[in-house]
């Protein structure tokens, strides 16, 4: 009897009544909460890249992809924010001298950094 492709790849079957059912095992994944950027990436893939979304989902790689994207985005956001603040002179001295100006400028920096992240990592 010729082996099925599943058997050739190392798969096994279990007999249940009159049927042979493949022994499929789902890989255990340590669940971590998915942050803002991971959820945004999932929504983008689902709506605009359905083939990639389906491949990641059926391959069991979607959750890992979302957690990696979220982590990379958070790290990049932190780095860009610090670099931009340093370049623009937004520091503790400004915060002590004019708190509202510091808040305004930091909000502007965060928004620009997030736009970069969204363009490069989420929608790219």
N, C-alpha and C. Protein backbone atom coordinates (compact mmCIF):
# COMPACT_ATOMS: atom_id res chain seq x y z
N UNK A 1 0.84 -1.18 0.00
CA UNK A 1 0.00 0.00 0.00
C UNK A 1 0.88 1.24 0.00
N UNK A 2 0.55 2.21 -0.82
CA UNK A 2 1.33 3.43 -0.95
C UNK A 2 1.02 4.37 0.22
N UNK A 3 2.07 4.96 0.79
CA UNK A 3 1.90 5.89 1.91
C UNK A 3 1.35 7.22 1.40
N UNK A 4 0.49 7.82 2.24
CA UNK A 4 -0.02 9.14 1.89
C UNK A 4 1.08 10.17 2.10
N UNK A 5 0.88 11.35 1.56
CA UNK A 5 1.85 12.44 1.73
C UNK A 5 2.03 12.74 3.21
N UNK A 6 0.94 12.72 3.95
CA UNK A 6 0.97 12.96 5.40
C UNK A 6 1.89 11.96 6.10
N UNK A 7 1.79 10.70 5.70
CA UNK A 7 2.65 9.66 6.29
C UNK A 7 4.09 9.82 5.84
N UNK A 8 4.30 10.21 4.61
CA UNK A 8 5.65 10.43 4.11
C UNK A 8 6.35 11.56 4.88
N UNK A 9 5.57 12.52 5.34
CA UNK A 9 6.12 13.64 6.10
C UNK A 9 6.25 13.32 7.59
N UNK A 10 5.96 12.08 7.98
CA UNK A 10 6.11 11.66 9.37
C UNK A 10 4.83 11.67 10.17
N UNK A 11 3.72 11.90 9.51
CA UNK A 11 2.43 11.92 10.20
C UNK A 11 1.93 10.52 10.50
N UNK A 12 1.12 10.42 11.53
CA UNK A 12 0.53 9.14 11.91
C UNK A 12 -0.98 9.28 12.02
N UNK A 13 -1.64 8.12 12.05
CA UNK A 13 -3.10 8.08 12.15
C UNK A 13 -3.50 7.27 13.37
N UNK A 14 -4.70 7.55 13.87
CA UNK A 14 -5.30 6.76 14.94
C UNK A 14 -6.66 6.28 14.44
N UNK A 15 -6.94 4.99 14.65
CA UNK A 15 -8.23 4.45 14.20
C UNK A 15 -9.28 4.75 15.26
N UNK A 16 -10.37 5.37 14.79
CA UNK A 16 -11.51 5.68 15.64
C UNK A 16 -12.72 5.09 14.93
N UNK A 17 -13.20 3.97 15.43
CA UNK A 17 -14.28 3.27 14.76
C UNK A 17 -13.82 2.79 13.41
N UNK A 18 -14.53 3.19 12.37
CA UNK A 18 -14.18 2.79 11.01
C UNK A 18 -13.26 3.80 10.32
N UNK A 19 -12.88 4.83 11.02
CA UNK A 19 -12.13 5.92 10.39
C UNK A 19 -10.70 6.01 10.91
N UNK A 20 -9.79 6.43 10.03
CA UNK A 20 -8.42 6.75 10.41
C UNK A 20 -8.33 8.28 10.47
N UNK A 21 -8.06 8.78 11.68
CA UNK A 21 -7.96 10.22 11.86
C UNK A 21 -6.49 10.60 12.04
N UNK A 22 -6.05 11.67 11.38
CA UNK A 22 -4.65 12.08 11.53
C UNK A 22 -4.38 12.58 12.96
N UNK A 23 -3.21 12.25 13.46
CA UNK A 23 -2.79 12.71 14.79
C UNK A 23 -2.19 14.10 14.63
N UNK A 24 -3.02 15.10 14.80
CA UNK A 24 -2.58 16.48 14.66
C UNK A 24 -2.38 17.08 16.04
N UNK A 25 -1.29 17.82 16.20
CA UNK A 25 -0.98 18.46 17.47
C UNK A 25 -0.76 19.94 17.21
N UNK A 26 -1.44 20.74 17.99
CA UNK A 26 -1.27 22.19 17.88
C UNK A 26 -0.12 22.59 18.78
N UNK A 27 0.79 23.38 18.23
CA UNK A 27 1.96 23.82 18.98
C UNK A 27 1.51 24.71 20.14
N UNK A 28 2.04 24.42 21.32
CA UNK A 28 1.73 25.23 22.49
C UNK A 28 2.44 26.57 22.37
N UNK A 29 1.71 27.64 22.59
CA UNK A 29 2.26 28.98 22.50
C UNK A 29 2.05 29.66 23.84
N UNK A 30 3.12 30.26 24.36
CA UNK A 30 2.98 31.02 25.60
C UNK A 30 2.28 32.33 25.26
N UNK A 31 1.09 32.49 25.78
CA UNK A 31 0.29 33.66 25.43
C UNK A 31 0.76 34.88 26.19
N UNK A 32 0.98 35.94 25.43
CA UNK A 32 1.32 37.24 25.99
C UNK A 32 0.26 38.20 25.48
N UNK A 33 -0.04 39.22 26.25
CA UNK A 33 -1.03 40.17 25.74
C UNK A 33 -0.50 40.88 24.50
N UNK A 34 -1.36 41.07 23.54
CA UNK A 34 -0.99 41.76 22.30
C UNK A 34 -1.29 43.24 22.50
N UNK A 35 -0.31 44.07 22.24
CA UNK A 35 -0.46 45.50 22.41
C UNK A 35 -1.11 46.18 21.23
N UNK A 36 -1.13 47.48 21.31
CA UNK A 36 -1.77 48.34 20.30
C UNK A 36 -1.23 48.08 18.90
N UNK A 37 0.08 48.02 18.75
CA UNK A 37 0.67 47.88 17.42
C UNK A 37 0.45 46.49 16.84
N UNK A 38 0.47 45.46 17.66
CA UNK A 38 0.19 44.11 17.20
C UNK A 38 -1.23 43.97 16.69
N UNK A 39 -2.18 44.60 17.40
CA UNK A 39 -3.58 44.57 16.97
C UNK A 39 -3.78 45.36 15.68
N UNK A 40 -3.07 46.49 15.56
CA UNK A 40 -3.17 47.29 14.34
C UNK A 40 -2.63 46.50 13.14
N UNK A 41 -1.53 45.79 13.34
CA UNK A 41 -0.94 44.99 12.26
C UNK A 41 -1.90 43.88 11.83
N UNK A 42 -2.53 43.23 12.81
CA UNK A 42 -3.48 42.16 12.49
C UNK A 42 -4.64 42.71 11.66
N UNK A 43 -5.18 43.84 12.08
CA UNK A 43 -6.31 44.44 11.36
C UNK A 43 -5.89 44.82 9.93
N UNK A 44 -4.69 45.40 9.79
CA UNK A 44 -4.19 45.77 8.47
C UNK A 44 -4.05 44.54 7.57
N UNK A 45 -3.43 43.49 8.10
CA UNK A 45 -3.25 42.27 7.30
C UNK A 45 -4.59 41.68 6.90
N UNK A 46 -5.52 41.63 7.83
CA UNK A 46 -6.82 41.04 7.57
C UNK A 46 -7.58 41.80 6.49
N UNK A 47 -7.50 43.13 6.51
CA UNK A 47 -8.26 43.95 5.58
C UNK A 47 -7.55 44.19 4.25
N UNK A 48 -6.21 44.29 4.26
CA UNK A 48 -5.49 44.70 3.05
C UNK A 48 -4.55 43.65 2.48
N UNK A 49 -4.19 42.66 3.26
CA UNK A 49 -3.28 41.59 2.80
C UNK A 49 -3.86 40.23 3.20
N UNK A 50 -5.05 39.89 2.69
CA UNK A 50 -5.74 38.69 3.15
C UNK A 50 -4.98 37.38 2.91
N UNK A 51 -4.19 37.32 1.84
CA UNK A 51 -3.44 36.08 1.57
C UNK A 51 -2.35 35.89 2.62
N UNK A 52 -1.60 36.94 2.91
CA UNK A 52 -0.57 36.86 3.95
C UNK A 52 -1.20 36.56 5.31
N UNK A 53 -2.32 37.22 5.59
CA UNK A 53 -3.03 36.97 6.84
C UNK A 53 -3.43 35.50 6.96
N UNK A 54 -4.00 34.96 5.89
CA UNK A 54 -4.43 33.55 5.90
C UNK A 54 -3.24 32.61 6.06
N UNK A 55 -2.14 32.91 5.37
CA UNK A 55 -0.95 32.07 5.48
C UNK A 55 -0.40 32.07 6.91
N UNK A 56 -0.34 33.25 7.51
CA UNK A 56 0.15 33.33 8.90
C UNK A 56 -0.80 32.61 9.85
N UNK A 57 -2.09 32.79 9.62
CA UNK A 57 -3.10 32.17 10.49
C UNK A 57 -3.08 30.65 10.38
N UNK A 58 -3.11 30.14 9.16
CA UNK A 58 -3.16 28.69 8.99
C UNK A 58 -1.82 28.03 9.31
N UNK A 59 -0.73 28.79 9.19
CA UNK A 59 0.59 28.26 9.54
C UNK A 59 0.89 28.35 11.03
N UNK A 60 -0.04 28.91 11.80
CA UNK A 60 0.16 29.03 13.24
C UNK A 60 1.19 30.09 13.61
N UNK A 61 1.40 31.06 12.73
CA UNK A 61 2.44 32.07 12.97
C UNK A 61 1.89 33.47 13.21
N UNK A 62 0.57 33.63 13.14
CA UNK A 62 -0.02 34.96 13.27
C UNK A 62 0.23 35.56 14.65
N UNK A 63 0.00 34.80 15.69
CA UNK A 63 0.17 35.31 17.06
C UNK A 63 1.62 35.74 17.29
N UNK A 64 2.55 34.90 16.87
CA UNK A 64 3.98 35.22 17.03
C UNK A 64 4.33 36.49 16.24
N UNK A 65 3.80 36.60 15.03
CA UNK A 65 4.04 37.79 14.19
C UNK A 65 3.52 39.04 14.90
N UNK A 66 2.33 38.96 15.47
CA UNK A 66 1.74 40.10 16.15
C UNK A 66 2.57 40.51 17.37
N UNK A 67 3.03 39.54 18.15
CA UNK A 67 3.82 39.88 19.34
C UNK A 67 5.17 40.47 18.94
N UNK A 68 5.78 39.93 17.89
CA UNK A 68 7.06 40.48 17.43
C UNK A 68 6.90 41.90 16.92
N UNK A 69 5.88 42.15 16.11
CA UNK A 69 5.64 43.49 15.59
C UNK A 69 5.40 44.46 16.74
N UNK A 70 4.59 44.05 17.71
CA UNK A 70 4.29 44.91 18.85
C UNK A 70 5.56 45.27 19.62
N UNK A 71 6.39 44.28 19.86
CA UNK A 71 7.63 44.51 20.61
C UNK A 71 8.58 45.43 19.83
N UNK A 72 8.76 45.17 18.55
CA UNK A 72 9.64 45.99 17.73
C UNK A 72 9.13 47.43 17.67
N UNK A 73 7.83 47.60 17.52
CA UNK A 73 7.25 48.95 17.46
C UNK A 73 7.47 49.70 18.77
N UNK A 74 7.25 49.03 19.89
CA UNK A 74 7.44 49.69 21.19
C UNK A 74 8.89 50.12 21.38
N UNK A 75 9.83 49.24 21.01
CA UNK A 75 11.25 49.57 21.14
C UNK A 75 11.62 50.72 20.22
N UNK A 76 11.14 50.67 18.99
CA UNK A 76 11.44 51.72 18.01
C UNK A 76 10.81 53.04 18.43
N UNK A 77 9.61 53.01 18.98
CA UNK A 77 8.93 54.21 19.45
C UNK A 77 9.76 54.87 20.56
N UNK A 78 10.24 54.08 21.48
CA UNK A 78 11.05 54.59 22.58
C UNK A 78 12.34 55.22 22.04
N UNK A 79 13.01 54.53 21.15
CA UNK A 79 14.26 55.02 20.58
C UNK A 79 14.05 56.31 19.80
N UNK A 80 13.05 56.33 18.91
CA UNK A 80 12.79 57.53 18.12
C UNK A 80 12.41 58.72 18.99
N UNK A 81 11.60 58.47 20.01
CA UNK A 81 11.19 59.55 20.90
C UNK A 81 12.39 60.16 21.62
N UNK A 82 13.26 59.30 22.14
CA UNK A 82 14.46 59.81 22.84
C UNK A 82 15.37 60.56 21.89
N UNK A 83 15.58 60.02 20.69
CA UNK A 83 16.46 60.68 19.72
C UNK A 83 15.91 62.03 19.28
N UNK A 84 14.62 62.08 18.98
CA UNK A 84 14.01 63.33 18.53
C UNK A 84 14.02 64.38 19.65
N UNK A 85 13.73 63.94 20.87
CA UNK A 85 13.73 64.87 22.00
C UNK A 85 15.12 65.45 22.21
N UNK A 86 16.13 64.62 22.12
CA UNK A 86 17.51 65.09 22.29
C UNK A 86 17.87 66.07 21.17
N UNK A 87 17.52 65.72 19.95
CA UNK A 87 17.85 66.56 18.79
C UNK A 87 17.15 67.92 18.87
N UNK A 88 15.95 67.95 19.42
CA UNK A 88 15.17 69.19 19.47
C UNK A 88 15.32 69.93 20.79
N UNK A 89 16.16 69.42 21.68
CA UNK A 89 16.42 70.09 22.95
C UNK A 89 15.27 70.02 23.95
N UNK A 90 14.47 68.98 23.84
CA UNK A 90 13.37 68.78 24.79
C UNK A 90 13.92 67.93 25.93
N UNK A 91 14.21 68.58 27.05
CA UNK A 91 14.88 67.89 28.15
C UNK A 91 14.27 68.28 29.49
N UNK A 92 14.89 67.84 30.56
CA UNK A 92 14.39 68.12 31.91
C UNK A 92 14.45 69.60 32.25
N UNK A 93 15.44 70.31 31.70
CA UNK A 93 15.54 71.76 31.96
C UNK A 93 14.32 72.48 31.39
N UNK A 94 13.91 72.10 30.17
CA UNK A 94 12.71 72.69 29.58
C UNK A 94 11.49 72.32 30.39
N UNK A 95 11.43 71.08 30.85
CA UNK A 95 10.30 70.61 31.65
C UNK A 95 10.18 71.44 32.94
N UNK A 96 11.31 71.74 33.56
CA UNK A 96 11.30 72.53 34.79
C UNK A 96 10.94 73.98 34.52
N UNK A 97 11.40 74.52 33.38
CA UNK A 97 11.17 75.93 33.08
C UNK A 97 9.76 76.20 32.55
N UNK A 98 9.28 75.35 31.66
CA UNK A 98 7.97 75.57 31.03
C UNK A 98 7.32 74.22 30.75
N UNK A 99 6.58 73.74 31.73
CA UNK A 99 6.01 72.40 31.66
C UNK A 99 5.03 72.24 30.49
N UNK A 100 4.22 73.24 30.24
CA UNK A 100 3.24 73.13 29.14
C UNK A 100 3.94 73.08 27.78
N UNK A 101 5.00 73.83 27.61
CA UNK A 101 5.76 73.78 26.36
C UNK A 101 6.41 72.41 26.19
N UNK A 102 6.93 71.85 27.29
CA UNK A 102 7.54 70.52 27.24
C UNK A 102 6.50 69.47 26.82
N UNK A 103 5.31 69.54 27.40
CA UNK A 103 4.23 68.60 27.07
C UNK A 103 3.84 68.74 25.60
N UNK A 104 3.69 69.98 25.13
CA UNK A 104 3.32 70.22 23.74
C UNK A 104 4.36 69.63 22.79
N UNK A 105 5.61 69.88 23.07
CA UNK A 105 6.67 69.39 22.19
C UNK A 105 6.82 67.87 22.27
N UNK A 106 6.68 67.30 23.45
CA UNK A 106 6.76 65.83 23.57
C UNK A 106 5.60 65.16 22.85
N UNK A 107 4.40 65.74 22.94
CA UNK A 107 3.26 65.18 22.21
C UNK A 107 3.51 65.23 20.71
N UNK A 108 4.10 66.31 20.23
CA UNK A 108 4.42 66.43 18.82
C UNK A 108 5.45 65.37 18.40
N UNK A 109 6.46 65.19 19.23
CA UNK A 109 7.50 64.18 18.96
C UNK A 109 6.90 62.79 18.92
N UNK A 110 6.05 62.46 19.89
CA UNK A 110 5.43 61.12 19.93
C UNK A 110 4.56 60.87 18.70
N UNK A 111 3.81 61.89 18.29
CA UNK A 111 2.95 61.72 17.11
C UNK A 111 3.79 61.50 15.85
N UNK A 112 4.88 62.24 15.70
CA UNK A 112 5.74 62.05 14.53
C UNK A 112 6.42 60.69 14.56
N UNK A 113 6.89 60.29 15.72
CA UNK A 113 7.53 58.97 15.85
C UNK A 113 6.53 57.86 15.52
N UNK A 114 5.29 58.01 15.99
CA UNK A 114 4.28 57.00 15.71
C UNK A 114 3.96 56.94 14.21
N UNK A 115 3.92 58.07 13.54
CA UNK A 115 3.69 58.08 12.09
C UNK A 115 4.78 57.30 11.36
N UNK A 116 6.01 57.47 11.80
CA UNK A 116 7.13 56.73 11.19
C UNK A 116 6.94 55.23 11.40
N UNK A 117 6.60 54.85 12.62
CA UNK A 117 6.40 53.43 12.95
C UNK A 117 5.25 52.83 12.14
N UNK A 118 4.16 53.55 12.08
CA UNK A 118 3.00 53.04 11.34
C UNK A 118 3.36 52.84 9.87
N UNK A 119 4.05 53.80 9.29
CA UNK A 119 4.41 53.71 7.88
C UNK A 119 5.41 52.59 7.62
N UNK A 120 6.42 52.45 8.48
CA UNK A 120 7.48 51.46 8.26
C UNK A 120 7.11 50.05 8.66
N UNK A 121 6.44 49.89 9.80
CA UNK A 121 6.27 48.55 10.38
C UNK A 121 4.84 48.00 10.32
N UNK A 122 3.86 48.83 10.46
CA UNK A 122 2.48 48.34 10.50
C UNK A 122 1.90 48.22 9.09
N UNK A 123 2.01 49.27 8.31
CA UNK A 123 1.40 49.31 6.98
C UNK A 123 2.40 49.02 5.87
N UNK A 124 3.59 48.61 6.23
CA UNK A 124 4.64 48.37 5.23
C UNK A 124 4.66 46.96 4.73
